[in-house]
Amino acid sequence: MNENELVAKLDRIERQLTNLNREVVQAIEAGKSAHHRIDDLKHDICWTLGTSVTVVGIFASVLTSVLSHM
C-alpha cells in the first residue's frame, strides 16, 4: 500500500469510528429512556394495585359489618 491508500483507509476507519460512537451514544440514551419508562410503569402498577387492595379491603369490611348485624 502506498501512502495515499493508507491515508484513505485511515479516513474511512475514522468515519466508521465516529459513526459507531454516535450509535453507542444513542443506544445509551435509549437505555436511559427505557429505564425511566420502566420506573414510571412500576410506580403506576404499584399505585393501582395498592388502591385496588384498599378499595377491596374497605368493601370487605363494610360487607362483613353489614352481614354481622343481620
Protein backbone atom coordinates (compact mmCIF):
# COMPACT_ATOMS: atom_id res chain seq x y z
CA MET A 1 0.00 0.00 0.00
CA ASN A 2 1.21 3.44 -0.76
CA GLU A 3 0.79 6.49 1.44
CA ASN A 4 -2.38 7.74 -0.32
CA GLU A 5 -4.10 4.38 0.14
CA LEU A 6 -3.15 4.31 3.83
CA VAL A 7 -4.46 7.85 4.35
CA ALA A 8 -7.71 6.96 2.57
CA LYS A 9 -8.06 3.82 4.67
CA LEU A 10 -7.35 5.76 7.86
CA ASP A 11 -10.00 8.36 6.92
CA ARG A 12 -12.53 5.60 6.29
CA ILE A 13 -11.76 3.98 9.64
CA GLU A 14 -12.07 7.36 11.38
CA ARG A 15 -15.51 7.94 9.82
CA GLN A 16 -16.60 4.45 10.88
CA LEU A 17 -15.45 5.09 14.45
CA THR A 18 -17.30 8.40 14.50
CA ASN A 19 -20.47 6.69 13.31
CA LEU A 20 -20.06 3.91 15.87
CA ASN A 21 -19.57 6.44 18.65
CA ARG A 22 -22.80 8.18 17.64
CA GLU A 23 -24.65 4.86 17.65
CA VAL A 24 -23.26 3.98 21.07
CA VAL A 25 -24.35 7.33 22.50
CA GLN A 26 -27.83 6.86 21.00
CA ALA A 27 -28.05 3.34 22.47
CA ILE A 28 -27.04 4.61 25.91
CA GLU A 29 -29.64 7.39 25.74
CA ALA A 30 -32.30 4.91 24.60
CA GLY A 31 -31.39 2.65 27.53
CA LYS A 32 -31.74 5.52 29.99
CA SER A 33 -35.10 6.47 28.49
CA ALA A 34 -36.33 2.87 28.66
CA HIS A 35 -35.20 2.60 32.28
CA HIS A 36 -37.14 5.78 33.13
CA ARG A 37 -40.27 4.46 31.41
CA ILE A 38 -39.98 1.15 33.28
CA ASP A 39 -39.70 3.02 36.59
CA ASP A 40 -42.81 5.05 35.74
CA LEU A 41 -44.70 1.90 34.79
CA LYS A 42 -43.64 0.19 38.03
CA HIS A 43 -44.84 3.19 40.03
CA ASP A 44 -48.19 3.22 38.21
CA ILE A 45 -48.69 -0.53 38.69
CA CYS A 46 -47.85 -0.37 42.40
CA TRP A 47 -50.16 2.63 42.91
CA THR A 48 -53.02 0.90 41.06
CA LEU A 49 -52.53 -2.35 42.95
CA GLY A 50 -52.38 -0.57 46.30
CA THR A 51 -55.51 1.41 45.56
CA SER A 52 -57.37 -1.69 44.40
CA VAL A 53 -56.42 -3.66 47.52
CA THR A 54 -57.52 -0.75 49.71
CA VAL A 55 -60.89 -0.45 47.98
CA VAL A 56 -61.48 -4.21 48.20
CA GLY A 57 -60.47 -4.16 51.88
CA ILE A 58 -62.90 -1.35 52.67
CA PHE A 59 -65.67 -3.12 50.75
CA ALA A 60 -65.00 -6.39 52.58
CA SER A 61 -65.03 -4.62 55.96
CA VAL A 62 -68.32 -2.88 55.23
CA LEU A 63 -69.88 -6.06 53.87
CA THR A 64 -68.71 -8.06 56.90
CA SER A 65 -70.11 -5.42 59.23
CA VAL A 66 -73.46 -5.32 57.45
CA LEU A 67 -73.75 -9.12 57.34
CA SER A 68 -72.82 -9.49 61.01
CA HIS A 69 -75.65 -7.16 62.03
CA MET A 70 -78.31 -9.06 60.12
